[in-house]
């Protein structure tokens, strides 16, 4: 039996309604789905942290610029620029 997109959406809606994951998996086993197919439907959610790179990159760059003006060093400025560069690289990678 093949796991369809509609079935996955149904599973996600059941999870949102509070139905226990174990009961849903047991019901899918009774319907004839393999453990591999069931695990595909329960993939972990990957959070998008790209905006944190940008936010902290800008804040740390501003702090680094302040430190540079006050002649305390430029380490924070470099760190902020690296975070902004990482944000841009992640954005480019995910567009491909």
N, C-alpha and C. Protein backbone atom coordinates (compact mmCIF):
# COMPACT_ATOMS: atom_id res chain seq x y z
N UNK A 1 0.84 -1.18 0.00
CA UNK A 1 0.00 0.00 0.00
C UNK A 1 0.89 1.25 0.00
N UNK A 2 0.50 2.26 -0.74
CA UNK A 2 1.30 3.47 -0.89
C UNK A 2 0.72 4.60 -0.02
N UNK A 3 1.61 5.34 0.64
CA UNK A 3 1.21 6.48 1.47
C UNK A 3 1.01 7.68 0.55
N UNK A 4 -0.22 8.18 0.48
CA UNK A 4 -0.53 9.30 -0.41
C UNK A 4 -0.42 10.62 0.36
N UNK A 5 -0.38 11.71 -0.40
CA UNK A 5 -0.30 13.04 0.22
C UNK A 5 -1.57 13.33 1.03
N UNK A 6 -2.70 12.85 0.55
CA UNK A 6 -3.95 13.06 1.29
C UNK A 6 -3.92 12.33 2.63
N UNK A 7 -3.35 11.13 2.62
CA UNK A 7 -3.26 10.35 3.87
C UNK A 7 -2.35 11.06 4.87
N UNK A 8 -1.24 11.62 4.38
CA UNK A 8 -0.32 12.35 5.26
C UNK A 8 -1.01 13.58 5.84
N UNK A 9 -1.78 14.30 5.03
CA UNK A 9 -2.52 15.45 5.54
C UNK A 9 -3.54 15.03 6.59
N UNK A 10 -4.17 13.89 6.39
CA UNK A 10 -5.13 13.37 7.37
C UNK A 10 -4.42 13.05 8.69
N UNK A 11 -3.23 12.46 8.58
CA UNK A 11 -2.45 12.13 9.79
C UNK A 11 -2.08 13.41 10.53
N UNK A 12 -1.62 14.42 9.80
CA UNK A 12 -1.23 15.68 10.44
C UNK A 12 -2.42 16.35 11.11
N UNK A 13 -3.59 16.27 10.50
CA UNK A 13 -4.77 16.87 11.11
C UNK A 13 -5.16 16.13 12.39
N UNK A 14 -5.00 14.80 12.38
CA UNK A 14 -5.28 14.02 13.59
C UNK A 14 -4.33 14.40 14.71
N UNK A 15 -3.05 14.60 14.36
CA UNK A 15 -2.07 14.99 15.37
C UNK A 15 -2.39 16.36 15.95
N UNK A 16 -2.84 17.30 15.10
CA UNK A 16 -3.20 18.63 15.57
C UNK A 16 -4.40 18.60 16.50
N UNK A 17 -5.29 17.64 16.24
CA UNK A 17 -6.48 17.51 17.09
C UNK A 17 -6.17 16.85 18.43
N UNK A 18 -4.94 16.33 18.56
CA UNK A 18 -4.53 15.76 19.84
C UNK A 18 -4.56 14.26 19.92
N UNK A 19 -4.81 13.59 18.82
CA UNK A 19 -4.81 12.13 18.84
C UNK A 19 -3.37 11.63 19.04
N UNK A 20 -3.16 10.68 19.93
CA UNK A 20 -1.80 10.20 20.21
C UNK A 20 -1.13 9.57 18.99
N UNK A 21 0.15 9.85 18.84
CA UNK A 21 0.93 9.35 17.71
C UNK A 21 0.94 7.83 17.66
N UNK A 22 1.04 7.19 18.82
CA UNK A 22 1.07 5.74 18.87
C UNK A 22 -0.20 5.09 18.33
N UNK A 23 -1.34 5.68 18.66
CA UNK A 23 -2.61 5.14 18.16
C UNK A 23 -2.72 5.29 16.65
N UNK A 24 -2.25 6.43 16.13
CA UNK A 24 -2.31 6.64 14.68
C UNK A 24 -1.41 5.63 13.98
N UNK A 25 -0.21 5.41 14.52
CA UNK A 25 0.72 4.44 13.91
C UNK A 25 0.14 3.03 13.93
N UNK A 26 -0.48 2.67 15.04
CA UNK A 26 -1.08 1.33 15.15
C UNK A 26 -2.22 1.16 14.15
N UNK A 27 -3.01 2.21 13.98
CA UNK A 27 -4.11 2.15 13.01
C UNK A 27 -3.55 2.00 11.59
N UNK A 28 -2.45 2.70 11.28
CA UNK A 28 -1.85 2.59 9.96
C UNK A 28 -1.28 1.19 9.72
N UNK A 29 -0.71 0.58 10.76
CA UNK A 29 -0.21 -0.80 10.63
C UNK A 29 -1.35 -1.76 10.32
N UNK A 30 -2.49 -1.55 10.98
CA UNK A 30 -3.65 -2.41 10.73
C UNK A 30 -4.19 -2.23 9.31
N UNK A 31 -3.99 -1.01 8.75
CA UNK A 31 -4.43 -0.76 7.38
C UNK A 31 -3.47 -1.35 6.35
N UNK A 32 -2.30 -1.83 6.80
CA UNK A 32 -1.38 -2.50 5.89
C UNK A 32 -0.16 -1.70 5.47
N UNK A 33 0.10 -0.58 6.12
CA UNK A 33 1.27 0.22 5.79
C UNK A 33 2.50 -0.35 6.48
N UNK A 34 3.65 -0.27 5.80
CA UNK A 34 4.89 -0.75 6.40
C UNK A 34 5.44 0.31 7.36
N UNK A 35 6.38 -0.12 8.22
CA UNK A 35 6.98 0.81 9.18
C UNK A 35 7.74 1.93 8.46
N UNK A 36 8.34 1.61 7.34
CA UNK A 36 9.08 2.61 6.57
C UNK A 36 8.13 3.70 6.05
N UNK A 37 6.98 3.30 5.53
CA UNK A 37 5.99 4.27 5.04
C UNK A 37 5.41 5.10 6.18
N UNK A 38 5.19 4.46 7.31
CA UNK A 38 4.64 5.16 8.47
C UNK A 38 5.63 6.21 8.96
N UNK A 39 6.92 5.85 9.01
CA UNK A 39 7.93 6.80 9.48
C UNK A 39 8.08 7.99 8.54
N UNK A 40 7.82 7.79 7.25
CA UNK A 40 7.85 8.92 6.30
C UNK A 40 6.78 9.94 6.65
N UNK A 41 5.64 9.46 7.11
CA UNK A 41 4.54 10.37 7.44
C UNK A 41 4.80 11.12 8.75
N UNK A 42 5.69 10.62 9.59
CA UNK A 42 5.97 11.23 10.88
C UNK A 42 7.37 11.85 10.94
N UNK A 43 7.82 12.39 9.82
CA UNK A 43 9.14 13.02 9.82
C UNK A 43 9.15 14.20 10.77
N UNK A 44 10.30 14.40 11.40
CA UNK A 44 10.43 15.52 12.33
C UNK A 44 10.40 16.84 11.57
N UNK A 45 9.82 17.84 12.20
CA UNK A 45 9.75 19.17 11.60
C UNK A 45 11.09 19.87 11.76
N UNK A 46 11.59 20.41 10.66
CA UNK A 46 12.86 21.14 10.71
C UNK A 46 12.54 22.63 10.74
N UNK A 47 13.00 23.27 11.79
CA UNK A 47 12.73 24.68 11.94
C UNK A 47 13.65 25.51 11.06
N UNK A 48 13.12 26.60 10.55
CA UNK A 48 13.87 27.50 9.69
C UNK A 48 14.52 28.57 10.56
N UNK A 49 15.83 28.49 10.70
CA UNK A 49 16.55 29.41 11.58
C UNK A 49 17.28 30.50 10.80
N UNK A 50 17.01 30.63 9.52
CA UNK A 50 17.74 31.61 8.70
C UNK A 50 17.56 33.03 9.20
N UNK A 51 16.37 33.39 9.60
CA UNK A 51 16.14 34.78 10.03
C UNK A 51 16.93 35.12 11.28
N UNK A 52 17.22 34.13 12.12
CA UNK A 52 18.03 34.39 13.30
C UNK A 52 19.46 34.77 12.90
N UNK A 53 19.96 34.15 11.83
CA UNK A 53 21.28 34.54 11.32
C UNK A 53 21.29 36.01 10.95
N UNK A 54 20.25 36.44 10.27
CA UNK A 54 20.18 37.82 9.82
C UNK A 54 20.02 38.79 10.99
N UNK A 55 19.10 38.48 11.89
CA UNK A 55 18.84 39.37 13.03
C UNK A 55 20.09 39.53 13.88
N UNK A 56 20.68 38.41 14.29
CA UNK A 56 21.87 38.51 15.13
C UNK A 56 23.07 39.04 14.36
N UNK A 57 23.13 38.77 13.07
CA UNK A 57 24.20 39.31 12.25
C UNK A 57 24.17 40.83 12.22
N UNK A 58 22.98 41.39 12.06
CA UNK A 58 22.84 42.85 12.04
C UNK A 58 23.15 43.43 13.41
N UNK A 59 22.60 42.84 14.46
CA UNK A 59 22.84 43.36 15.82
C UNK A 59 24.31 43.29 16.20
N UNK A 60 24.93 42.17 15.93
CA UNK A 60 26.35 42.02 16.28
C UNK A 60 27.22 42.92 15.41
N UNK A 61 26.82 43.13 14.15
CA UNK A 61 27.58 44.04 13.28
C UNK A 61 27.50 45.47 13.80
N UNK A 62 26.30 45.88 14.24
CA UNK A 62 26.17 47.23 14.80
C UNK A 62 27.01 47.39 16.06
N UNK A 63 26.99 46.38 16.91
CA UNK A 63 27.82 46.42 18.11
C UNK A 63 29.30 46.43 17.74
N UNK A 64 29.67 45.65 16.72
CA UNK A 64 31.05 45.63 16.25
C UNK A 64 31.48 46.95 15.66
N UNK A 65 30.56 47.61 14.94
CA UNK A 65 30.85 48.93 14.39
C UNK A 65 31.08 49.94 15.51
N UNK A 66 30.25 49.86 16.53
CA UNK A 66 30.43 50.73 17.71
C UNK A 66 31.79 50.48 18.36
N UNK A 67 32.14 49.21 18.51
CA UNK A 67 33.45 48.88 19.10
C UNK A 67 34.59 49.37 18.23
N UNK A 68 34.43 49.31 16.92
CA UNK A 68 35.46 49.78 16.00
C UNK A 68 35.64 51.29 16.12
N UNK A 69 34.53 52.01 16.22
CA UNK A 69 34.60 53.46 16.38
C UNK A 69 35.27 53.83 17.70
N UNK A 70 34.97 53.09 18.75
CA UNK A 70 35.55 53.36 20.08
C UNK A 70 36.95 52.77 20.23
N UNK A 71 37.49 52.22 19.13
CA UNK A 71 38.85 51.67 19.09
C UNK A 71 39.06 50.53 20.09
N UNK A 72 38.06 49.65 20.19
CA UNK A 72 38.16 48.49 21.08
C UNK A 72 38.43 47.21 20.30
N UNK A 73 38.40 47.26 18.99
CA UNK A 73 38.65 46.08 18.18
C UNK A 73 37.57 45.88 17.15
N UNK A 74 37.77 44.90 16.30
CA UNK A 74 36.84 44.65 15.21
C UNK A 74 36.34 43.21 15.16
N UNK A 75 36.56 42.45 16.22
CA UNK A 75 36.15 41.05 16.25
C UNK A 75 34.64 40.88 16.08
N UNK A 76 33.84 41.70 16.78
CA UNK A 76 32.38 41.58 16.69
C UNK A 76 31.88 41.96 15.30
N UNK A 77 32.55 42.93 14.67
CA UNK A 77 32.16 43.32 13.33
C UNK A 77 32.36 42.15 12.35
N UNK A 78 33.47 41.46 12.49
CA UNK A 78 33.74 40.30 11.63
C UNK A 78 32.72 39.19 11.89
N UNK A 79 32.42 38.93 13.15
CA UNK A 79 31.44 37.90 13.50
C UNK A 79 30.06 38.24 12.92
N UNK A 80 29.65 39.49 13.01
CA UNK A 80 28.36 39.91 12.45
C UNK A 80 28.30 39.74 10.94
N UNK A 81 29.39 40.11 10.27
CA UNK A 81 29.44 39.96 8.82
C UNK A 81 29.40 38.48 8.43
N UNK A 82 30.05 37.62 9.21
CA UNK A 82 30.02 36.18 8.93
C UNK A 82 28.59 35.64 9.08
N UNK A 83 27.86 36.10 10.07
CA UNK A 83 26.47 35.66 10.25
C UNK A 83 25.59 36.12 9.09
N UNK A 84 25.77 37.34 8.64
CA UNK A 84 24.99 37.83 7.50
C UNK A 84 25.35 37.04 6.25
N UNK A 85 26.63 36.75 6.05
CA UNK A 85 27.08 35.95 4.91
C UNK A 85 26.46 34.55 4.97
N UNK A 86 26.40 33.97 6.16
CA UNK A 86 25.80 32.64 6.34
C UNK A 86 24.32 32.68 5.97
N UNK A 87 23.64 33.74 6.37
CA UNK A 87 22.23 33.90 6.00
C UNK A 87 22.08 33.93 4.48
N UNK A 88 22.90 34.70 3.80
CA UNK A 88 22.81 34.81 2.34
C UNK A 88 23.12 33.48 1.66
N UNK A 89 24.09 32.74 2.18
CA UNK A 89 24.43 31.44 1.60
C UNK A 89 23.30 30.42 1.79
N UNK A 90 22.67 30.43 2.95
CA UNK A 90 21.54 29.53 3.21
C UNK A 90 20.37 29.86 2.30
N UNK A 91 20.11 31.13 2.11
CA UNK A 91 19.02 31.55 1.23
C UNK A 91 19.28 31.09 -0.20
N UNK A 92 20.52 31.23 -0.63
CA UNK A 92 20.89 30.80 -1.98
C UNK A 92 20.79 29.28 -2.11
N UNK A 93 21.23 28.56 -1.07
CA UNK A 93 21.19 27.10 -1.10
C UNK A 93 19.77 26.57 -1.17
N UNK A 94 18.87 27.19 -0.43
CA UNK A 94 17.49 26.71 -0.40
C UNK A 94 16.70 27.09 -1.64
N UNK A 95 17.16 28.08 -2.38
CA UNK A 95 16.49 28.42 -3.64
C UNK A 95 16.78 27.41 -4.72
N UNK A 96 17.92 26.69 -4.62
CA UNK A 96 18.29 25.71 -5.65
C UNK A 96 17.52 24.45 -5.53
